[in-house]
PDB file of N, CA and C in Angstrom:
ATOM      1  N   UNK A   1      80.151 160.885  71.314  1.00  0.00           N
ATOM      2  CA  UNK A   1      78.960 161.648  70.990  1.00  0.00           C
ATOM      3  C   UNK A   1      78.839 162.810  71.984  1.00  0.00           C
ATOM      4  N   UNK A   2      78.469 163.970  71.488  1.00  0.00           N
ATOM      5  CA  UNK A   2      78.309 165.158  72.314  1.00  0.00           C
ATOM      6  C   UNK A   2      77.052 165.079  73.173  1.00  0.00           C
ATOM      7  N   UNK A   3      77.105 165.796  74.283  1.00  0.00           N
ATOM      8  CA  UNK A   3      75.950 165.918  75.170  1.00  0.00           C
ATOM      9  C   UNK A   3      74.835 166.646  74.436  1.00  0.00           C
ATOM     10  N   UNK A   4      73.621 166.193  74.648  1.00  0.00           N
ATOM     11  CA  UNK A   4      72.429 166.864  74.111  1.00  0.00           C
ATOM     12  C   UNK A   4      71.558 167.225  75.298  1.00  0.00           C
ATOM     13  N   UNK A   5      71.199 168.502  75.415  1.00  0.00           N
ATOM     14  CA  UNK A   5      70.449 168.989  76.565  1.00  0.00           C
ATOM     15  C   UNK A   5      68.950 169.082  76.281  1.00  0.00           C
ATOM     16  N   UNK A   6      68.156 168.903  77.344  1.00  0.00           N
ATOM     17  CA  UNK A   6      66.710 169.122  77.311  1.00  0.00           C
ATOM     18  C   UNK A   6      66.341 169.976  78.516  1.00  0.00           C
ATOM     19  N   UNK A   7      65.843 171.185  78.271  1.00  0.00           N
ATOM     20  CA  UNK A   7      65.364 172.044  79.357  1.00  0.00           C
ATOM     21  C   UNK A   7      63.987 171.572  79.786  1.00  0.00           C
ATOM     22  N   UNK A   8      63.760 171.510  81.095  1.00  0.00           N
ATOM     23  CA  UNK A   8      62.399 171.242  81.538  1.00  0.00           C
ATOM     24  C   UNK A   8      61.687 172.592  81.689  1.00  0.00           C
ATOM     25  N   UNK A   9      60.413 172.563  82.051  1.00  0.00           N
ATOM     26  CA  UNK A   9      59.647 173.816  82.148  1.00  0.00           C
ATOM     27  C   UNK A   9      60.168 174.752  83.223  1.00  0.00           C
ATOM     28  N   UNK A  10      60.876 174.217  84.186  1.00  0.00           N
ATOM     29  CA  UNK A  10      61.403 175.013  85.281  1.00  0.00           C
ATOM     30  C   UNK A  10      62.591 175.886  84.879  1.00  0.00           C
ATOM     31  N   UNK A  11      63.345 175.454  83.895  1.00  0.00           N
ATOM     32  CA  UNK A  11      64.597 176.134  83.555  1.00  0.00           C
ATOM     33  C   UNK A  11      64.351 177.484  82.899  1.00  0.00           C
ATOM     34  N   UNK A  12      65.037 178.493  83.389  1.00  0.00           N
ATOM     35  CA  UNK A  12      64.934 179.852  82.842  1.00  0.00           C
ATOM     36  C   UNK A  12      65.393 179.833  81.383  1.00  0.00           C
ATOM     37  N   UNK A  13      64.563 180.319  80.489  1.00  0.00           N
ATOM     38  CA  UNK A  13      64.875 180.260  79.050  1.00  0.00           C
ATOM     39  C   UNK A  13      66.075 181.115  78.663  1.00  0.00           C
ATOM     40  N   UNK A  14      66.446 182.087  79.500  1.00  0.00           N
ATOM     41  CA  UNK A  14      67.654 182.882  79.228  1.00  0.00           C
ATOM     42  C   UNK A  14      68.896 181.993  79.268  1.00  0.00           C
ATOM     43  N   UNK A  15      68.843 180.921  80.029  1.00  0.00           N
ATOM     44  CA  UNK A  15      69.972 179.986  80.081  1.00  0.00           C
ATOM     45  C   UNK A  15      70.125 179.285  78.736  1.00  0.00           C
ATOM     46  N   UNK A  16      69.025 178.812  78.197  1.00  0.00           N
ATOM     47  CA  UNK A  16      69.073 178.144  76.889  1.00  0.00           C
ATOM     48  C   UNK A  16      69.597 179.115  75.832  1.00  0.00           C
ATOM     49  N   UNK A  17      69.033 180.311  75.807  1.00  0.00           N
ATOM     50  CA  UNK A  17      69.478 181.310  74.817  1.00  0.00           C
ATOM     51  C   UNK A  17      70.954 181.639  74.992  1.00  0.00           C
ATOM     52  N   UNK A  18      71.406 181.770  76.228  1.00  0.00           N
ATOM     53  CA  UNK A  18      72.803 182.101  76.495  1.00  0.00           C
ATOM     54  C   UNK A  18      73.758 181.005  76.047  1.00  0.00           C
ATOM     55  N   UNK A  19      73.389 179.741  76.308  1.00  0.00           N
ATOM     56  CA  UNK A  19      74.232 178.626  75.857  1.00  0.00           C
ATOM     57  C   UNK A  19      74.323 178.632  74.336  1.00  0.00           C
ATOM     58  N   UNK A  20      73.186 178.802  73.674  1.00  0.00           N
ATOM     59  CA  UNK A  20      73.178 178.787  72.212  1.00  0.00           C
ATOM     60  C   UNK A  20      73.877 180.003  71.613  1.00  0.00           C
ATOM     61  N   UNK A  21      73.865 181.109  72.317  1.00  0.00           N
ATOM     62  CA  UNK A  21      74.584 182.298  71.858  1.00  0.00           C
ATOM     63  C   UNK A  21      76.095 182.061  71.939  1.00  0.00           C
ATOM     64  N   UNK A  22      76.543 181.466  73.042  1.00  0.00           N
ATOM     65  CA  UNK A  22      77.978 181.226  73.230  1.00  0.00           C
ATOM     66  C   UNK A  22      78.487 180.040  72.422  1.00  0.00           C
ATOM     67  N   UNK A  23      77.646 179.054  72.215  1.00  0.00           N
ATOM     68  CA  UNK A  23      78.011 177.858  71.445  1.00  0.00           C
ATOM     69  C   UNK A  23      76.862 177.516  70.508  1.00  0.00           C
ATOM     70  N   UNK A  24      76.812 178.183  69.357  1.00  0.00           N
ATOM     71  CA  UNK A  24      75.675 178.016  68.444  1.00  0.00           C
ATOM     72  C   UNK A  24      75.431 176.585  67.970  1.00  0.00           C
ATOM     73  N   UNK A  25      76.436 175.737  68.045  1.00  0.00           N
ATOM     74  CA  UNK A  25      76.237 174.360  67.596  1.00  0.00           C
ATOM     75  C   UNK A  25      75.796 173.432  68.728  1.00  0.00           C
ATOM     76  N   UNK A  26      75.678 173.958  69.937  1.00  0.00           N
ATOM     77  CA  UNK A  26      75.192 173.135  71.058  1.00  0.00           C
ATOM     78  C   UNK A  26      73.771 172.659  70.747  1.00  0.00           C
ATOM     79  N   UNK A  27      73.456 171.487  71.216  1.00  0.00           N
ATOM     80  CA  UNK A  27      72.137 170.894  70.986  1.00  0.00           C
ATOM     81  C   UNK A  27      71.330 171.028  72.273  1.00  0.00           C
ATOM     82  N   UNK A  28      70.437 172.017  72.320  1.00  0.00           N
ATOM     83  CA  UNK A  28      69.699 172.333  73.539  1.00  0.00           C
ATOM     84  C   UNK A  28      68.235 172.543  73.183  1.00  0.00           C
ATOM     85  N   UNK A  29      67.395 171.561  73.482  1.00  0.00           N
ATOM     86  CA  UNK A  29      65.957 171.649  73.224  1.00  0.00           C
ATOM     87  C   UNK A  29      65.271 172.360  74.379  1.00  0.00           C
ATOM     88  N   UNK A  30      64.302 173.188  74.048  1.00  0.00           N
ATOM     89  CA  UNK A  30      63.572 173.890  75.114  1.00  0.00           C
ATOM     90  C   UNK A  30      62.093 174.056  74.784  1.00  0.00           C
ATOM     91  N   UNK A  31      61.558 173.161  73.977  1.00  0.00           N
ATOM     92  CA  UNK A  31      60.136 173.260  73.640  1.00  0.00           C
ATOM     93  C   UNK A  31      59.308 173.185  74.910  1.00  0.00           C
ATOM     94  N   UNK A  32      58.193 173.895  74.958  1.00  0.00           N
ATOM     95  CA  UNK A  32      57.343 173.865  76.154  1.00  0.00           C
ATOM     96  C   UNK A  32      56.871 172.454  76.487  1.00  0.00           C
ATOM     97  N   UNK A  33      56.940 172.120  77.744  1.00  0.00           N
ATOM     98  CA  UNK A  33      56.483 170.821  78.220  1.00  0.00           C
ATOM     99  C   UNK A  33      55.386 171.030  79.253  1.00  0.00           C
ATOM    100  N   UNK A  34      54.469 171.948  78.942  1.00  0.00           N
ATOM    101  CA  UNK A  34      53.394 172.283  79.873  1.00  0.00           C
ATOM    102  C   UNK A  34      52.565 171.058  80.212  1.00  0.00           C
ATOM    103  N   UNK A  35      52.221 170.954  81.479  1.00  0.00           N
ATOM    104  CA  UNK A  35      51.367 169.877  81.991  1.00  0.00           C
ATOM    105  C   UNK A  35      52.007 168.496  81.842  1.00  0.00           C
ATOM    106  N   UNK A  36      53.330 168.460  81.728  1.00  0.00           N
ATOM    107  CA  UNK A  36      54.043 167.196  81.654  1.00  0.00           C
ATOM    108  C   UNK A  36      54.756 167.009  82.984  1.00  0.00           C
ATOM    109  N   UNK A  37      54.486 165.900  83.664  1.00  0.00           N
ATOM    110  CA  UNK A  37      55.108 165.697  84.968  1.00  0.00           C
ATOM    111  C   UNK A  37      56.589 165.330  84.814  1.00  0.00           C
ATOM    112  N   UNK A  38      57.311 165.393  85.925  1.00  0.00           N
ATOM    113  CA  UNK A  38      58.761 165.192  85.905  1.00  0.00           C
ATOM    114  C   UNK A  38      59.156 163.829  85.340  1.00  0.00           C
ATOM    115  N   UNK A  39      58.456 162.805  85.727  1.00  0.00           N
ATOM    116  CA  UNK A  39      58.768 161.463  85.243  1.00  0.00           C
ATOM    117  C   UNK A  39      58.589 161.370  83.728  1.00  0.00           C
ATOM    118  N   UNK A  40      57.541 161.987  83.219  1.00  0.00           N
ATOM    119  CA  UNK A  40      57.310 161.991  81.766  1.00  0.00           C
ATOM    120  C   UNK A  40      58.395 162.773  81.045  1.00  0.00           C
ATOM    121  N   UNK A  41      58.849 163.879  81.632  1.00  0.00           N
ATOM    122  CA  UNK A  41      59.946 164.652  81.035  1.00  0.00           C
ATOM    123  C   UNK A  41      61.199 163.785  80.954  1.00  0.00           C
ATOM    124  N   UNK A  42      61.497 163.061  82.016  1.00  0.00           N
ATOM    125  CA  UNK A  42      62.670 162.184  82.006  1.00  0.00           C
ATOM    126  C   UNK A  42      62.547 161.094  80.951  1.00  0.00           C
ATOM    127  N   UNK A  43      61.358 160.529  80.788  1.00  0.00           N
ATOM    128  CA  UNK A  43      61.141 159.508  79.751  1.00  0.00           C
ATOM    129  C   UNK A  43      61.337 160.104  78.356  1.00  0.00           C
ATOM    130  N   UNK A  44      60.736 161.260  78.114  1.00  0.00           N
ATOM    131  CA  UNK A  44      60.854 161.904  76.800  1.00  0.00           C
ATOM    132  C   UNK A  44      62.307 162.251  76.491  1.00  0.00           C
ATOM    133  N   UNK A  45      63.011 162.784  77.476  1.00  0.00           N
ATOM    134  CA  UNK A  45      64.411 163.143  77.272  1.00  0.00           C
ATOM    135  C   UNK A  45      65.258 161.901  76.989  1.00  0.00           C
ATOM    136  N   UNK A  46      65.015 160.836  77.734  1.00  0.00           N
ATOM    137  CA  UNK A  46      65.777 159.603  77.521  1.00  0.00           C
ATOM    138  C   UNK A  46      65.526 159.028  76.132  1.00  0.00           C
ATOM    139  N   UNK A  47      64.279 159.043  75.703  1.00  0.00           N
ATOM    140  CA  UNK A  47      63.960 158.538  74.359  1.00  0.00           C
ATOM    141  C   UNK A  47      64.681 159.330  73.278  1.00  0.00           C
ATOM    142  N   UNK A  48      64.882 160.624  73.532  1.00  0.00           N
ATOM    143  CA  UNK A  48      65.569 161.485  72.565  1.00  0.00           C
ATOM    144  C   UNK A  48      67.072 161.536  72.802  1.00  0.00           C
ATOM    145  N   UNK A  49      67.556 160.837  73.828  1.00  0.00           N
ATOM    146  CA  UNK A  49      68.987 160.839  74.127  1.00  0.00           C
ATOM    147  C   UNK A  49      69.474 162.164  74.681  1.00  0.00           C
ATOM    148  N   UNK A  50      68.619 162.832  75.465  1.00  0.00           N
ATOM    149  CA  UNK A  50      68.941 164.161  75.989  1.00  0.00           C
ATOM    150  C   UNK A  50      69.046 164.170  77.508  1.00  0.00           C
ATOM    151  N   UNK A  51      69.992 164.933  78.010  1.00  0.00           N
ATOM    152  CA  UNK A  51      70.187 165.141  79.436  1.00  0.00           C
ATOM    153  C   UNK A  51      69.259 166.263  79.895  1.00  0.00           C
ATOM    154  N   UNK A  52      68.490 166.029  80.956  1.00  0.00           N
ATOM    155  CA  UNK A  52      67.571 167.031  81.481  1.00  0.00           C
ATOM    156  C   UNK A  52      68.352 168.072  82.287  1.00  0.00           C
ATOM    157  N   UNK A  53      68.035 169.346  82.049  1.00  0.00           N
ATOM    158  CA  UNK A  53      68.607 170.457  82.818  1.00  0.00           C
ATOM    159  C   UNK A  53      67.436 171.159  83.494  1.00  0.00           C
ATOM    160  N   UNK A  54      67.528 171.326  84.820  1.00  0.00           N
ATOM    161  CA  UNK A  54      66.390 171.840  85.567  1.00  0.00           C
ATOM    162  C   UNK A  54      66.828 172.672  86.773  1.00  0.00           C
ATOM    163  N   UNK A  55      65.940 173.559  87.183  1.00  0.00           N
ATOM    164  CA  UNK A  55      66.092 174.269  88.454  1.00  0.00           C
ATOM    165  C   UNK A  55      65.413 173.504  89.587  1.00  0.00           C
ATOM    166  N   UNK A  56      64.654 172.491  89.272  1.00  0.00           N
ATOM    167  CA  UNK A  56      63.813 171.795  90.249  1.00  0.00           C
ATOM    168  C   UNK A  56      64.637 170.825  91.096  1.00  0.00           C
ATOM    169  N   UNK A  57      65.413 171.387  92.024  1.00  0.00           N
ATOM    170  CA  UNK A  57      66.305 170.574  92.849  1.00  0.00           C
ATOM    171  C   UNK A  57      65.566 169.779  93.917  1.00  0.00           C
ATOM    172  N   UNK A  58      64.278 170.042  94.105  1.00  0.00           N
ATOM    173  CA  UNK A  58      63.540 169.306  95.134  1.00  0.00           C
ATOM    174  C   UNK A  58      62.822 168.080  94.586  1.00  0.00           C
ATOM    175  N   UNK A  59      62.293 168.142  93.371  1.00  0.00           N
ATOM    176  CA  UNK A  59      61.493 167.024  92.851  1.00  0.00           C
ATOM    177  C   UNK A  59      62.203 166.162  91.814  1.00  0.00           C
ATOM    178  N   UNK A  60      63.043 166.752  90.999  1.00  0.00           N
ATOM    179  CA  UNK A  60      63.685 165.976  89.929  1.00  0.00           C
ATOM    180  C   UNK A  60      64.543 164.824  90.481  1.00  0.00           C
ATOM    181  N   UNK A  61      65.314 165.003  91.550  1.00  0.00           N
ATOM    182  CA  UNK A  61      66.100 163.851  92.040  1.00  0.00           C
ATOM    183  C   UNK A  61      65.231 162.646  92.404  1.00  0.00           C
ATOM    184  N   UNK A  62      64.072 162.883  92.998  1.00  0.00           N
ATOM    185  CA  UNK A  62      63.173 161.779  93.329  1.00  0.00           C
ATOM    186  C   UNK A  62      62.619 161.131  92.069  1.00  0.00           C
ATOM    187  N   UNK A  63      62.219 161.947  91.115  1.00  0.00           N
ATOM    188  CA  UNK A  63      61.707 161.405  89.853  1.00  0.00           C
ATOM    189  C   UNK A  63      62.807 160.640  89.120  1.00  0.00           C
ATOM    190  N   UNK A  64      64.035 161.168  89.173  1.00  0.00           N
ATOM    191  CA  UNK A  64      65.169 160.505  88.527  1.00  0.00           C
ATOM    192  C   UNK A  64      65.402 159.124  89.152  1.00  0.00           C
ATOM    193  N   UNK A  65      65.364 159.054  90.467  1.00  0.00           N
ATOM    194  CA  UNK A  65      65.549 157.771  91.150  1.00  0.00           C
ATOM    195  C   UNK A  65      64.468 156.781  90.741  1.00  0.00           C
ATOM    196  N   UNK A  66      63.237 157.251  90.668  1.00  0.00           N
ATOM    197  CA  UNK A  66      62.139 156.377  90.246  1.00  0.00           C
ATOM    198  C   UNK A  66      62.337 155.916  88.802  1.00  0.00           C
ATOM    199  N   UNK A  67      62.709 156.841  87.934  1.00  0.00           N
ATOM    200  CA  UNK A  67      62.934 156.519  86.523  1.00  0.00           C
ATOM    201  C   UNK A  67      64.045 155.484  86.377  1.00  0.00           C
ATOM    202  N   UNK A  68      65.126 155.661  87.133  1.00  0.00           N
ATOM    203  CA  UNK A  68      66.286 154.784  87.019  1.00  0.00           C
ATOM    204  C   UNK A  68      66.030 153.361  87.534  1.00  0.00           C
ATOM    205  N   UNK A  69      64.986 153.154  88.266  1.00  0.00           N
ATOM    206  CA  UNK A  69      64.677 151.796  88.729  1.00  0.00           C
ATOM    207  C   UNK A  69      64.381 150.869  87.560  1.00  0.00           C
ATOM    208  N   UNK A  70      63.893 151.440  86.454  1.00  0.00           N
ATOM    209  CA  UNK A  70      63.496 150.609  85.320  1.00  0.00           C
ATOM    210  C   UNK A  70      64.157 150.997  84.005  1.00  0.00           C
ATOM    211  N   UNK A  71      64.850 152.139  83.970  1.00  0.00           N
ATOM    212  CA  UNK A  71      65.388 152.628  82.694  1.00  0.00           C
ATOM    213  C   UNK A  71      66.751 153.274  82.880  1.00  0.00           C
ATOM    214  N   UNK A  72      67.447 153.427  81.765  1.00  0.00           N
ATOM    215  CA  UNK A  72      68.699 154.180  81.763  1.00  0.00           C
ATOM    216  C   UNK A  72      68.396 155.614  81.347  1.00  0.00           C
ATOM    217  N   UNK A  73      69.257 156.528  81.771  1.00  0.00           N
ATOM    218  CA  UNK A  73      69.061 157.941  81.482  1.00  0.00           C
ATOM    219  C   UNK A  73      70.334 158.547  80.913  1.00  0.00           C
ATOM    220  N   UNK A  74      70.192 159.500  79.990  1.00  0.00           N
ATOM    221  CA  UNK A  74      71.355 160.252  79.531  1.00  0.00           C
ATOM    222  C   UNK A  74      71.911 161.175  80.622  1.00  0.00           C
ATOM    223  N   UNK A  75      71.187 161.310  81.740  1.00  0.00           N
ATOM    224  CA  UNK A  75      71.678 162.095  82.866  1.00  0.00           C
ATOM    225  C   UNK A  75      70.832 163.312  83.149  1.00  0.00           C
ATOM    226  N   UNK A  76      71.225 163.999  84.215  1.00  0.00           N
ATOM    227  CA  UNK A  76      70.513 165.202  84.616  1.00  0.00           C
ATOM    228  C   UNK A  76      71.443 166.192  85.285  1.00  0.00           C
ATOM    229  N   UNK A  77      71.174 167.453  85.076  1.00  0.00           N
ATOM    230  CA  UNK A  77      71.924 168.533  85.718  1.00  0.00           C
ATOM    231  C   UNK A  77      70.933 169.447  86.411  1.00  0.00           C
ATOM    232  N   UNK A  78      71.199 169.746  87.664  1.00  0.00           N
ATOM    233  CA  UNK A  78      70.330 170.602  88.455  1.00  0.00           C
ATOM    234  C   UNK A  78      71.091 171.842  88.889  1.00  0.00           C
ATOM    235  N   UNK A  79      70.406 172.971  88.833  1.00  0.00           N
ATOM    236  CA  UNK A  79      71.008 174.224  89.270  1.00  0.00           C
ATOM    237  C   UNK A  79      69.967 175.045  90.013  1.00  0.00           C
ATOM    238  N   UNK A  80      70.334 175.615  91.153  1.00  0.00           N
ATOM    239  CA  UNK A  80      69.351 176.415  91.887  1.00  0.00           C
ATOM    240  C   UNK A  80      68.985 177.681  91.104  1.00  0.00           C
ATOM    241  N   UNK A  81      67.749 178.122  91.265  1.00  0.00           N
ATOM    242  CA  UNK A  81      67.320 179.345  90.585  1.00  0.00           C
ATOM    243  C   UNK A  81      68.100 180.556  91.072  1.00  0.00           C
ATOM    244  N   UNK A  82      68.635 180.479  92.271  1.00  0.00           N
ATOM    245  CA  UNK A  82      69.363 181.613  92.835  1.00  0.00           C
ATOM    246  C   UNK A  82      70.775 181.758  92.267  1.00  0.00           C
ATOM    247  N   UNK A  83      71.248 180.747  91.562  1.00  0.00           N
ATOM    248  CA  UNK A  83      72.592 180.818  91.016  1.00  0.00           C
ATOM    249  C   UNK A  83      72.605 181.749  89.805  1.00  0.00           C
ATOM    250  N   UNK A  84      73.642 182.516  89.632  1.00  0.00           N
ATOM    251  CA  UNK A  84      73.737 183.485  88.542  1.00  0.00           C
ATOM    252  C   UNK A  84      73.578 182.792  87.182  1.00  0.00           C
ATOM    253  N   UNK A  85      72.723 183.356  86.353  1.00  0.00           N
ATOM    254  CA  UNK A  85      72.470 182.786  85.026  1.00  0.00           C
ATOM    255  C   UNK A  85      73.759 182.671  84.221  1.00  0.00           C
ATOM    256  N   UNK A  86      74.609 183.674  84.306  1.00  0.00           N
ATOM    257  CA  UNK A  86      75.876 183.635  83.566  1.00  0.00           C
ATOM    258  C   UNK A  86      76.738 182.455  84.001  1.00  0.00           C
ATOM    259  N   UNK A  87      76.725 182.127  85.297  1.00  0.00           N
ATOM    260  CA  UNK A  87      77.483 180.982  85.805  1.00  0.00           C
ATOM    261  C   UNK A  87      76.922 179.669  85.256  1.00  0.00           C
ATOM    262  N   UNK A  88      75.611 179.556  85.242  1.00  0.00           N
ATOM    263  CA  UNK A  88      74.975 178.346  84.716  1.00  0.00           C
ATOM    264  C   UNK A  88      75.327 178.192  83.240  1.00  0.00           C
ATOM    265  N   UNK A  89      75.195 179.267  82.496  1.00  0.00           N
ATOM    266  CA  UNK A  89      75.521 179.230  81.063  1.00  0.00           C
ATOM    267  C   UNK A  89      76.966 178.789  80.865  1.00  0.00           C
ATOM    268  N   UNK A  90      77.879 179.399  81.598  1.00  0.00           N
ATOM    269  CA  UNK A  90      79.297 179.058  81.468  1.00  0.00           C
ATOM    270  C   UNK A  90      79.570 177.590  81.745  1.00  0.00           C
ATOM    271  N   UNK A  91      78.962 177.063  82.791  1.00  0.00           N
ATOM    272  CA  UNK A  91      79.165 175.654  83.130  1.00  0.00           C
ATOM    273  C   UNK A  91      78.576 174.727  82.080  1.00  0.00           C
ATOM    274  N   UNK A  92      77.392 175.048  81.579  1.00  0.00           N
ATOM    275  CA  UNK A  92      76.790 174.206  80.545  1.00  0.00           C
ATOM    276  C   UNK A  92      77.604 174.230  79.259  1.00  0.00           C
ATOM    277  N   UNK A  93      78.137 175.378  78.908  1.00  0.00           N
ATOM    278  CA  UNK A  93      78.985 175.469  77.712  1.00  0.00           C
ATOM    279  C   UNK A  93      80.228 174.595  77.882  1.00  0.00           C
ATOM    280  N   UNK A  94      80.849 174.649  79.043  1.00  0.00           N
ATOM    281  CA  UNK A  94      82.030 173.810  79.289  1.00  0.00           C
ATOM    282  C   UNK A  94      81.660 172.338  79.206  1.00  0.00           C
ATOM    283  N   UNK A  95      80.550 171.961  79.822  1.00  0.00           N
ATOM    284  CA  UNK A  95      80.108 170.564  79.764  1.00  0.00           C
ATOM    285  C   UNK A  95      79.892 170.144  78.317  1.00  0.00           C
ATOM    286  N   UNK A  96      79.237 170.993  77.538  1.00  0.00           N
ATOM    287  CA  UNK A  96      78.984 170.650  76.139  1.00  0.00           C
ATOM    288  C   UNK A  96      80.296 170.546  75.355  1.00  0.00           C
ATOM    289  N   UNK A  97      81.226 171.456  75.628  1.00  0.00           N
ATOM    290  CA  UNK A  97      82.462 171.492  74.831  1.00  0.00           C
ATOM    291  C   UNK A  97      83.462 170.401  75.190  1.00  0.00           C
ATOM    292  N   UNK A  98      83.541 169.993  76.450  1.00  0.00           N
ATOM    293  CA  UNK A  98      84.648 169.113  76.838  1.00  0.00           C
ATOM    294  C   UNK A  98      84.242 167.722  77.319  1.00  0.00           C
ATOM    295  N   UNK A  99      82.949 167.436  77.394  1.00  0.00           N
ATOM    296  CA  UNK A  99      82.568 166.095  77.847  1.00  0.00           C
ATOM    297  C   UNK A  99      81.799 165.355  76.757  1.00  0.00           C
ATOM    298  N   UNK A 100      81.705 164.082  76.976  1.00  0.00           N
ATOM    299  CA  UNK A 100      80.948 163.222  76.066  1.00  0.00           C
ATOM    300  C   UNK A 100      79.675 162.759  76.772  1.00  0.00           C
ATOM    301  N   UNK A 101      78.661 162.468  76.007  1.00  0.00           N
ATOM    302  CA  UNK A 101      77.381 162.038  76.565  1.00  0.00           C
ATOM    303  C   UNK A 101      77.541 160.813  77.464  1.00  0.00           C
ATOM    304  N   UNK A 102      78.429 159.914  77.104  1.00  0.00           N
ATOM    305  CA  UNK A 102      78.605 158.686  77.891  1.00  0.00           C
ATOM    306  C   UNK A 102      79.083 158.962  79.314  1.00  0.00           C
ATOM    307  N   UNK A 103      79.726 160.081  79.541  1.00  0.00           N
ATOM    308  CA  UNK A 103      80.209 160.428  80.878  1.00  0.00           C
ATOM    309  C   UNK A 103      79.070 160.762  81.840  1.00  0.00           C
ATOM    310  N   UNK A 104      77.902 161.078  81.310  1.00  0.00           N
ATOM    311  CA  UNK A 104      76.770 161.500  82.132  1.00  0.00           C
ATOM    312  C   UNK A 104      75.718 160.420  82.276  1.00  0.00           C
ATOM    313  N   UNK A 105      75.888 159.322  81.582  1.00  0.00           N
ATOM    314  CA  UNK A 105      74.903 158.241  81.606  1.00  0.00           C
ATOM    315  C   UNK A 105      74.522 157.859  83.029  1.00  0.00           C
ATOM    316  N   UNK A 106      73.235 157.918  83.319  1.00  0.00           N
ATOM    317  CA  UNK A 106      72.657 157.473  84.591  1.00  0.00           C
ATOM    318  C   UNK A 106      73.102 158.293  85.803  1.00  0.00           C
ATOM    319  N   UNK A 107      73.618 159.489  85.583  1.00  0.00           N
ATOM    320  CA  UNK A 107      74.049 160.359  86.686  1.00  0.00           C
ATOM    321  C   UNK A 107      73.160 161.591  86.754  1.00  0.00           C
ATOM    322  N   UNK A 108      72.904 162.057  87.957  1.00  0.00           N
ATOM    323  CA  UNK A 108      72.245 163.336  88.151  1.00  0.00           C
ATOM    324  C   UNK A 108      73.146 164.140  89.081  1.00  0.00           C
ATOM    325  N   UNK A 109      73.502 165.337  88.645  1.00  0.00           N
ATOM    326  CA  UNK A 109      74.467 166.150  89.377  1.00  0.00           C
ATOM    327  C   UNK A 109      73.935 167.549  89.637  1.00  0.00           C
ATOM    328  N   UNK A 110      74.419 168.109  90.713  1.00  0.00           N
ATOM    329  CA  UNK A 110      74.135 169.485  91.087  1.00  0.00           C
ATOM    330  C   UNK A 110      75.172 170.337  90.381  1.00  0.00           C
ATOM    331  N   UNK A 111      74.754 171.155  89.434  1.00  0.00           N
ATOM    332  CA  UNK A 111      75.661 171.865  88.553  1.00  0.00           C
ATOM    333  C   UNK A 111      76.670 172.745  89.286  1.00  0.00           C
ATOM    334  N   UNK A 112      76.274 173.322  90.401  1.00  0.00           N
ATOM    335  CA  UNK A 112      77.188 174.215  91.111  1.00  0.00           C
ATOM    336  C   UNK A 112      78.474 173.506  91.531  1.00  0.00           C
ATOM    337  N   UNK A 113      78.402 172.215  91.806  1.00  0.00           N
ATOM    338  CA  UNK A 113      79.577 171.480  92.261  1.00  0.00           C
ATOM    339  C   UNK A 113      79.908 170.277  91.385  1.00  0.00           C
ATOM    340  N   UNK A 114      78.986 169.880  90.553  1.00  0.00           N
ATOM    341  CA  UNK A 114      79.063 168.658  89.754  1.00  0.00           C
ATOM    342  C   UNK A 114      79.199 167.424  90.636  1.00  0.00           C
ATOM    343  N   UNK A 115      78.749 167.544  91.872  1.00  0.00           N
ATOM    344  CA  UNK A 115      78.730 166.395  92.778  1.00  0.00           C
ATOM    345  C   UNK A 115      77.441 165.621  92.559  1.00  0.00           C
ATOM    346  N   UNK A 116      77.556 164.305  92.571  1.00  0.00           N
ATOM    347  CA  UNK A 116      76.350 163.504  92.468  1.00  0.00           C
ATOM    348  C   UNK A 116      75.585 163.615  93.779  1.00  0.00           C
ATOM    349  N   UNK A 117      74.273 163.512  93.693  1.00  0.00           N
ATOM    350  CA  UNK A 117      73.442 163.711  94.870  1.00  0.00           C
ATOM    351  C   UNK A 117      73.790 162.750  95.995  1.00  0.00           C
ATOM    352  N   UNK A 118      73.853 161.510  95.719  1.00  0.00           N
ATOM    353  CA  UNK A 118      74.249 160.488  96.694  1.00  0.00           C
ATOM    354  C   UNK A 118      74.374 159.193  95.924  1.00  0.00           C
ATOM    355  N   UNK A 119      74.918 158.212  96.565  1.00  0.00           N
ATOM    356  CA  UNK A 119      75.008 156.915  95.901  1.00  0.00           C
ATOM    357  C   UNK A 119      73.603 156.448  95.577  1.00  0.00           C
ATOM    358  N   UNK A 120      73.395 156.152  94.360  1.00  0.00           N
ATOM    359  CA  UNK A 120      72.066 155.781  93.882  1.00  0.00           C
ATOM    360  C   UNK A 120      71.771 154.319  94.192  1.00  0.00           C
ATOM    361  N   UNK A 121      70.536 154.006  94.548  1.00  0.00           N
ATOM    362  CA  UNK A 121      70.176 152.622  94.858  1.00  0.00           C
ATOM    363  C   UNK A 121      70.358 151.679  93.679  1.00  0.00           C
ATOM    364  N   UNK A 122      70.286 152.187  92.457  1.00  0.00           N
ATOM    365  CA  UNK A 122      70.443 151.315  91.290  1.00  0.00           C
ATOM    366  C   UNK A 122      71.908 150.970  91.036  1.00  0.00           C
ATOM    367  N   UNK A 123      72.858 151.634  91.758  1.00  0.00           N
ATOM    368  CA  UNK A 123      74.272 151.344  91.589  1.00  0.00           C
ATOM    369  C   UNK A 123      74.729 150.154  92.427  1.00  0.00           C
ATOM    370  N   UNK A 124      73.888 149.676  93.330  1.00  0.00           N
ATOM    371  CA  UNK A 124      74.271 148.561  94.203  1.00  0.00           C
ATOM    372  C   UNK A 124      74.283 147.249  93.475  1.00  0.00           C
TER     373      UNK A 124
END
């Protein structure tokens, strides 16, 4: 099964448009999630089978850890706002084109390196 993305409110909408322009069949939701906290976004994305994509590198990892204590996640990708939009788009397109959703299950990665943040407590 292909990766399905969910943009949180933090993600620059030009990234979503750019991914869909380069790969029109990519599945990338970006409906407004105003006044929805990070944990709720993770729950909604998981229920829909979508990986969260966010610029919020400070709060999402903590929310992800909390979410993972009780639930499984399709995963998360984080990218700093300072990173070039074209680079983010290119990486997301590659992820969509060459990986499967199962490869991202329960992982949260920093898109610039695709390194996992740290060994997660739920992996013990």
